[in-house]
Amino acid sequence: MAHPDIQLDRVPRHVAIIMDGNGRWALSRGLDRIAGHREGIESVREVIRACRDFGVEILTLYTFSIENWNRPRGEVSELMQLLEEYLDTEIEEVMEHGARVRTIGRLDRLPPRTRRAVESATQRTAENSEMQLVFALSYGGRTEIVDAARKLARDAELGKIDPEGLDEKGFAAYLYAPDLPDPDLLIRTGAEQRISNFLLWQIAYSEIHLSERMWPEFRRAEFEAAIVDYQQRERRFGLTSDQVQLDDSSTEATEATQATKEPSGR
């Protein structure tokens, strides 16, 4: 059962999550760090199910950062294997959810076996349309912007674009997944208060929810609490509260007028 305070008509369209705290959760219990990552998979399952239930269209998970390549080789290898296992064992439930798997990041750095597993999941789910499940792999926000700038510079050199006419929308077209809307809600677990090079361009106006819970402890109840927190915010996008309220009133009046003009069906 959904949280009684959640308004299903105001659920964020796109939720992005920095899944932090796996290693600390495990070490605090005398376990290897990889045990925390394994336990975190259950949190992924619960959050995906909640997104399906609430109608969240896009869920982006910060799965492996570009900086994570600097971790001990053994841990990196275990994380890649864990990703392969997840994609193999969870793909059936992902299909049942009607979720399309997508990825963002420098995938060319992934080991061949891991890359094949990712490609298999994306191809198998390519026709699904109920929701989009986006894994940020070998990803960094600054790296994404640099890659976008590099592609833009090449197009400018070839005369495909005029740099003088470039605007934010034009630049965003060069990002990894330009068709995705910006996240409405960014969640970070693990009691940290930073964005760790995640979606730097896209979260300019995202609402941010910081959780004290480590990711392996972040389950459906915590996700629902984040949605409730989001729904208590006023999203102004640089406007004043009065302007936002006036715009909302105008929208409601327009919808009411359109409703009165609809045929009765008799």
Protein backbone atom coordinates (compact mmCIF):
# COMPACT_ATOMS: atom_id res chain seq x y z
CA MET A 1 0.00 0.00 0.00
CA ALA A 2 1.28 3.45 -0.94
CA HIS A 3 2.04 6.09 1.65
CA PRO A 4 -1.27 7.86 2.47
CA ASP A 5 0.30 11.28 1.94
CA ILE A 6 1.53 10.60 -1.61
CA GLN A 7 -0.46 12.44 -4.28
CA LEU A 8 -0.35 10.20 -7.34
CA ASP A 9 -1.03 13.15 -9.66
CA ARG A 10 2.10 14.94 -8.41
CA VAL A 11 4.65 12.14 -8.55
CA PRO A 12 7.99 13.20 -10.09
CA ARG A 13 8.37 12.11 -13.69
CA HIS A 14 12.13 11.48 -13.39
CA VAL A 15 13.92 10.38 -10.21
CA ALA A 16 17.72 10.08 -10.04
CA ILE A 17 19.51 8.37 -7.15
CA ILE A 18 23.08 8.45 -5.83
CA MET A 19 23.20 5.01 -4.17
CA ASP A 20 25.80 5.67 -1.49
CA GLY A 21 26.82 3.80 1.65
CA ASN A 22 27.12 0.17 0.54
CA GLY A 23 30.72 -0.21 1.71
CA ARG A 24 30.22 1.60 5.01
CA TRP A 25 27.10 -0.46 5.74
CA ALA A 26 29.06 -3.68 5.22
CA LEU A 27 32.17 -2.63 7.17
CA SER A 28 30.06 -1.53 10.14
CA ARG A 29 28.80 -5.13 10.30
CA GLY A 30 32.22 -6.74 9.90
CA LEU A 31 31.49 -7.77 6.31
CA ASP A 32 33.40 -7.33 3.07
CA ARG A 33 32.46 -4.24 1.06
CA ILE A 34 31.01 -6.35 -1.74
CA ALA A 35 28.43 -7.70 0.74
CA GLY A 36 27.06 -4.18 0.99
CA HIS A 37 26.77 -3.94 -2.77
CA ARG A 38 24.91 -7.26 -2.87
CA GLU A 39 22.50 -6.15 -0.16
CA GLY A 40 21.97 -2.92 -2.08
CA ILE A 41 20.46 -4.90 -4.95
CA GLU A 42 17.35 -5.50 -2.84
CA SER A 43 17.00 -1.74 -2.45
CA VAL A 44 17.20 -1.40 -6.24
CA ARG A 45 14.41 -3.97 -6.59
CA GLU A 46 12.16 -2.20 -4.10
CA VAL A 47 12.69 1.23 -5.59
CA ILE A 48 12.00 -0.01 -9.13
CA ARG A 49 8.77 -1.65 -7.93
CA ALA A 50 7.74 1.54 -6.15
CA CYS A 51 8.43 3.60 -9.28
CA ARG A 52 6.23 1.23 -11.26
CA ASP A 53 3.44 1.45 -8.67
CA PHE A 54 3.52 5.25 -8.43
CA GLY A 55 3.92 5.96 -12.13
CA VAL A 56 7.48 7.32 -12.09
CA GLU A 57 8.46 7.26 -15.77
CA ILE A 58 12.26 7.40 -15.48
CA LEU A 59 14.63 6.12 -12.80
CA THR A 60 18.33 6.91 -13.18
CA LEU A 61 20.74 5.06 -10.88
CA TYR A 62 24.34 6.16 -10.29
CA THR A 63 25.75 2.65 -10.59
CA PHE A 64 29.48 3.13 -11.24
CA SER A 65 31.23 6.46 -11.51
CA ILE A 66 34.17 7.35 -13.71
CA GLU A 67 36.16 7.86 -10.49
CA ASN A 68 35.30 4.34 -9.28
CA TRP A 69 37.86 2.95 -11.73
CA ASN A 70 40.47 4.18 -9.21
CA ARG A 71 39.25 1.73 -6.55
CA PRO A 72 41.24 -1.47 -5.81
CA ARG A 73 41.26 -3.74 -8.85
CA GLY A 74 39.66 -6.60 -6.93
CA GLU A 75 36.68 -4.48 -5.87
CA VAL A 76 36.19 -3.15 -9.40
CA SER A 77 36.23 -6.70 -10.76
CA GLU A 78 33.65 -7.81 -8.18
CA LEU A 79 31.42 -4.83 -9.00
CA MET A 80 31.51 -5.65 -12.70
CA GLN A 81 30.63 -9.28 -11.95
CA LEU A 82 27.80 -8.17 -9.67
CA LEU A 83 26.41 -5.97 -12.44
CA GLU A 84 26.50 -8.89 -14.85
CA GLU A 85 24.69 -11.10 -12.31
CA TYR A 86 22.06 -8.44 -11.71
CA LEU A 87 21.31 -8.00 -15.40
CA ASP A 88 21.08 -11.77 -15.81
CA THR A 89 18.87 -12.53 -12.79
CA GLU A 90 16.65 -9.43 -12.79
CA ILE A 91 15.93 -9.08 -16.50
CA GLU A 92 12.70 -11.11 -16.26
CA GLU A 93 11.24 -8.82 -13.60
CA VAL A 94 12.41 -5.77 -15.55
CA MET A 95 10.51 -7.15 -18.53
CA GLU A 96 7.42 -7.71 -16.37
CA HIS A 97 7.57 -4.05 -15.34
CA GLY A 98 7.70 -3.06 -19.01
CA ALA A 99 10.91 -1.17 -18.28
CA ARG A 100 13.40 -0.19 -20.94
CA VAL A 101 17.04 -0.47 -19.83
CA ARG A 102 19.33 2.35 -20.94
CA THR A 103 22.85 3.42 -20.03
CA ILE A 104 24.83 6.64 -19.93
CA GLY A 105 28.59 6.96 -19.55
CA ARG A 106 31.82 5.90 -21.21
CA LEU A 107 30.78 2.30 -21.80
CA ASP A 108 33.87 1.59 -23.88
CA ARG A 109 35.80 1.31 -20.60
CA LEU A 110 33.67 -1.60 -19.36
CA PRO A 111 35.20 -5.10 -19.60
CA PRO A 112 33.99 -6.92 -22.75
CA ARG A 113 31.88 -9.41 -20.79
CA THR A 114 30.18 -6.66 -18.81
CA ARG A 115 29.60 -4.62 -21.94
CA ARG A 116 27.97 -7.62 -23.62
CA ALA A 117 25.65 -8.10 -20.64
CA VAL A 118 24.65 -4.43 -20.76
CA GLU A 119 24.07 -4.53 -24.51
CA SER A 120 21.97 -7.69 -24.18
CA ALA A 121 19.73 -6.06 -21.54
CA THR A 122 19.27 -2.88 -23.57
CA GLN A 123 18.44 -4.81 -26.73
CA ARG A 124 16.02 -7.17 -25.03
CA THR A 125 14.08 -4.33 -23.39
CA ALA A 126 14.29 -1.86 -26.30
CA GLU A 127 10.58 -2.07 -27.13
CA ASN A 128 9.35 -1.65 -23.53
CA SER A 129 7.58 1.62 -22.81
CA GLU A 130 6.10 1.53 -19.28
CA MET A 131 9.17 3.16 -17.71
CA GLN A 132 12.85 3.76 -18.39
CA LEU A 133 15.58 2.35 -16.14
CA VAL A 134 18.81 4.24 -16.75
CA PHE A 135 22.13 2.98 -15.37
CA ALA A 136 24.93 5.55 -15.13
CA LEU A 137 27.99 3.37 -15.77
CA SER A 138 31.56 4.60 -16.01
CA TYR A 139 29.83 7.96 -15.71
CA GLY A 140 30.92 11.41 -14.63
CA GLY A 141 29.06 14.68 -14.99
CA ARG A 142 32.16 16.63 -16.00
CA THR A 143 33.15 13.85 -18.41
CA GLU A 144 29.71 14.03 -20.03
CA ILE A 145 30.04 17.78 -20.54
CA VAL A 146 33.56 17.39 -21.98
CA ASP A 147 32.35 14.65 -24.34
CA ALA A 148 29.46 16.88 -25.42
CA ALA A 149 31.81 19.82 -26.01
CA ARG A 150 34.13 17.60 -28.05
CA LYS A 151 31.28 16.44 -30.33
CA LEU A 152 30.00 20.00 -30.63
CA ALA A 153 33.45 21.27 -31.60
CA ARG A 154 33.73 18.65 -34.32
CA ASP A 155 30.35 19.63 -35.74
CA ALA A 156 31.32 23.30 -35.65
CA GLU A 157 34.56 22.52 -37.46
CA LEU A 158 32.58 20.69 -40.14
CA GLY A 159 30.19 23.58 -40.47
CA LYS A 160 27.19 21.64 -39.17
CA ILE A 161 26.42 24.22 -36.50
CA ASP A 162 27.01 27.91 -35.97
CA PRO A 163 28.65 28.47 -32.55
CA GLU A 164 27.21 31.99 -32.41
CA GLY A 165 23.69 30.55 -32.48
CA LEU A 166 24.29 27.97 -29.78
CA ASP A 167 21.97 28.04 -26.77
CA GLU A 168 21.36 25.72 -23.80
CA LYS A 169 18.93 23.55 -25.72
CA GLY A 170 21.41 23.18 -28.54
CA PHE A 171 24.22 22.21 -26.19
CA ALA A 172 22.03 19.72 -24.31
CA ALA A 173 21.43 17.89 -27.59
CA TYR A 174 25.05 16.66 -27.34
CA LEU A 175 24.66 15.04 -23.91
CA TYR A 176 24.52 11.25 -23.50
CA ALA A 177 20.70 11.00 -23.43
CA PRO A 178 19.32 14.31 -24.71
CA ASP A 179 15.79 12.93 -25.06
CA LEU A 180 15.42 12.41 -21.30
CA PRO A 181 13.86 15.21 -19.25
CA ASP A 182 15.92 16.58 -16.38
CA PRO A 183 15.40 14.82 -13.03
CA ASP A 184 12.61 16.31 -10.93
CA LEU A 185 14.00 14.68 -7.80
CA LEU A 186 17.58 13.75 -6.88
CA ILE A 187 17.96 11.40 -3.92
CA ARG A 188 21.27 10.79 -2.17
CA THR A 189 21.64 8.14 0.51
CA GLY A 190 24.51 7.50 2.91
CA ALA A 191 24.33 10.67 5.04
CA GLU A 192 26.63 12.61 2.70
CA GLN A 193 25.81 16.08 1.36
CA ARG A 194 27.37 16.37 -2.07
CA ILE A 195 26.40 15.51 -5.64
CA SER A 196 29.61 13.61 -6.51
CA ASN A 197 29.88 14.59 -10.16
CA PHE A 198 26.42 13.23 -11.02
CA LEU A 199 24.27 14.77 -13.79
CA LEU A 200 25.84 18.19 -13.28
CA TRP A 201 24.04 19.73 -16.25
CA GLN A 202 20.69 18.04 -15.68
CA ILE A 203 20.12 18.71 -11.97
CA ALA A 204 20.25 22.50 -12.23
CA TYR A 205 16.69 22.74 -10.87
CA SER A 206 16.15 19.29 -9.40
CA GLU A 207 14.78 19.02 -5.88
CA ILE A 208 17.30 17.26 -3.62
CA HIS A 209 16.43 14.79 -0.88
CA LEU A 210 19.27 13.70 1.44
CA SER A 211 18.78 10.48 3.38
CA GLU A 212 20.70 9.41 6.48
CA ARG A 213 20.11 5.79 5.46
CA MET A 214 22.86 3.77 3.82
CA TRP A 215 21.76 2.42 0.45
CA PRO A 216 21.29 -1.19 1.68
CA GLU A 217 18.82 0.21 4.25
CA PHE A 218 16.98 2.43 1.78
CA ARG A 219 13.83 0.50 0.99
CA ARG A 220 10.30 1.31 -0.13
CA ALA A 221 9.37 3.25 3.03
CA GLU A 222 12.37 5.56 2.62
CA PHE A 223 11.60 6.06 -1.05
CA GLU A 224 8.00 6.96 -0.23
CA ALA A 225 9.26 9.46 2.36
CA ALA A 226 11.41 11.07 -0.35
CA ILE A 227 8.37 11.39 -2.64
CA VAL A 228 6.35 12.99 0.15
CA ASP A 229 9.21 15.43 0.82
CA TYR A 230 9.34 16.29 -2.89
CA GLN A 231 5.61 16.95 -3.01
CA GLN A 232 5.93 19.46 -0.17
CA ARG A 233 8.34 21.60 -2.18
CA GLU A 234 7.39 24.61 -4.32
CA ARG A 235 9.24 24.40 -7.63
CA ARG A 236 9.85 27.97 -8.76
CA PHE A 237 12.55 27.70 -11.47
CA GLY A 238 13.72 31.24 -10.72
CA LEU A 239 10.23 32.72 -10.38
CA THR A 240 8.63 34.14 -7.24
CA SER A 241 6.02 32.25 -5.23
CA ASP A 242 3.35 34.69 -6.41
CA GLN A 243 4.24 34.03 -10.05
CA VAL A 244 4.10 30.27 -9.54
CA GLN A 245 0.74 30.46 -7.81
CA LEU A 246 -0.64 32.73 -10.54
CA ASP A 247 0.56 30.32 -13.20
CA ASP A 248 -1.03 27.40 -11.36
CA SER A 249 -4.30 29.30 -11.09
CA SER A 250 -4.25 30.09 -14.80
CA THR A 251 -3.59 26.44 -15.64
CA GLU A 252 -6.46 25.26 -13.44
CA ALA A 253 -8.81 27.85 -15.00
CA THR A 254 -7.83 26.73 -18.51
CA GLU A 255 -8.41 23.07 -17.65
CA ALA A 256 -11.80 23.89 -16.13
CA THR A 257 -12.82 25.85 -19.24
CA GLN A 258 -11.78 23.03 -21.53
CA ALA A 259 -13.74 20.55 -19.42
CA THR A 260 -16.96 22.56 -19.84
CA LYS A 261 -16.48 22.54 -23.62
CA GLU A 262 -16.12 18.78 -23.88
CA PRO A 263 -19.13 17.00 -25.41
CA SER A 264 -21.38 15.23 -22.93
CA GLY A 265 -21.36 12.05 -24.98
CA ARG A 266 -25.15 12.04 -25.42
